[in-house]
Amino acid sequence: MNNLNTLAIDLAKNVFQVCKRSPQGKVFFNREMTRAKLKELLANERVALVAMEACSSSHYWARYAAELGHEVKVINARAVKA
């Protein structure tokens, strides 16, 4: 079983929607963030599962999160549901 918190990120151009959930499904927060705040969150967050849809900027964000030690899942946009 996965014991990591999950950061689900809806990527966009300037403002991202980020939801943080516990392994049991409890939502810690679900809010909008700028690029700078998202970078700060990823840098300060303990190791987590970071999930995002595949899009033009997903490679950048996946690489950035992986370099910080996070487990990253880039998901086909057709499989992503809100």
Protein backbone atom coordinates (compact mmCIF):
# COMPACT_ATOMS: atom_id res chain seq x y z
CA MET A 1 0.00 0.00 0.00
CA ASN A 2 1.18 3.50 -0.80
CA ASN A 3 1.95 5.45 2.40
CA LEU A 4 2.77 8.69 0.61
CA ASN A 5 0.66 11.83 0.55
CA THR A 6 -0.57 12.64 -2.94
CA LEU A 7 -0.16 16.00 -4.66
CA ALA A 8 -2.49 16.15 -7.66
CA ILE A 9 -1.57 19.06 -9.94
CA ASP A 10 -3.69 20.48 -12.74
CA LEU A 11 -1.07 22.20 -14.89
CA ALA A 12 -1.80 25.47 -16.65
CA LYS A 13 0.12 28.45 -17.98
CA ASN A 14 0.35 30.65 -14.87
CA VAL A 15 -1.94 29.41 -12.09
CA PHE A 16 -2.13 25.73 -11.11
CA GLN A 17 -4.79 23.87 -9.13
CA VAL A 18 -3.15 21.70 -6.45
CA CYS A 19 -4.85 19.16 -4.19
CA LYS A 20 -3.02 17.41 -1.34
CA ARG A 21 -4.49 14.15 0.01
CA SER A 22 -3.44 11.66 2.66
CA PRO A 23 -3.04 7.95 1.81
CA GLN A 24 -6.45 7.42 3.44
CA GLY A 25 -8.09 10.01 1.16
CA LYS A 26 -8.37 12.96 3.56
CA VAL A 27 -8.05 16.25 1.64
CA PHE A 28 -5.55 18.61 3.31
CA PHE A 29 -6.07 21.42 0.81
CA ASN A 30 -7.29 22.13 -2.71
CA ARG A 31 -6.22 25.56 -3.94
CA GLU A 32 -4.75 27.61 -6.75
CA MET A 33 -1.02 28.34 -6.80
CA THR A 34 1.34 30.39 -8.90
CA ARG A 35 4.50 28.88 -10.40
CA ALA A 36 6.62 30.28 -7.58
CA LYS A 37 4.32 28.88 -4.87
CA LEU A 38 4.21 25.47 -6.55
CA LYS A 39 8.02 25.34 -6.67
CA GLU A 40 8.12 26.34 -3.00
CA LEU A 41 5.55 23.66 -2.08
CA LEU A 42 7.44 20.91 -3.93
CA ALA A 43 10.73 21.97 -2.35
CA ASN A 44 9.33 22.06 1.20
CA GLU A 45 6.98 19.06 1.04
CA ARG A 46 8.21 15.73 2.38
CA VAL A 47 8.44 12.99 -0.25
CA ALA A 48 5.04 12.54 -1.91
CA LEU A 49 3.36 11.00 -4.92
CA VAL A 50 2.98 13.82 -7.46
CA ALA A 51 0.34 13.16 -10.13
CA MET A 52 -0.31 15.34 -13.17
CA GLU A 53 -1.83 15.05 -16.61
CA ALA A 54 0.41 14.73 -19.65
CA CYS A 55 0.70 18.07 -21.43
CA SER A 56 3.34 20.37 -22.88
CA SER A 57 4.76 21.42 -19.49
CA SER A 58 4.41 18.10 -17.66
CA HIS A 59 7.96 16.97 -18.51
CA TYR A 60 9.42 20.09 -16.88
CA TRP A 61 7.33 19.72 -13.71
CA ALA A 62 7.85 15.94 -13.51
CA ARG A 63 11.61 16.34 -13.78
CA TYR A 64 11.58 19.15 -11.20
CA ALA A 65 9.56 17.09 -8.68
CA ALA A 66 11.65 13.95 -9.28
CA GLU A 67 14.88 15.87 -8.65
CA LEU A 68 13.44 16.81 -5.23
CA GLY A 69 12.84 13.12 -4.43
CA HIS A 70 9.11 12.88 -5.16
CA GLU A 71 7.55 9.88 -6.90
CA VAL A 72 6.01 11.24 -10.11
CA LYS A 73 3.14 9.88 -12.21
CA VAL A 74 2.34 11.60 -15.52
CA ILE A 75 -1.10 10.41 -16.59
CA ASN A 76 -2.66 10.37 -20.05
CA ALA A 77 -5.13 13.27 -20.20
CA ARG A 78 -7.89 10.93 -21.41
CA ALA A 79 -7.57 8.92 -18.19
CA VAL A 80 -7.70 11.94 -15.84
CA LYS A 81 -10.98 12.67 -14.07
CA ALA A 82 -11.78 15.49 -11.68
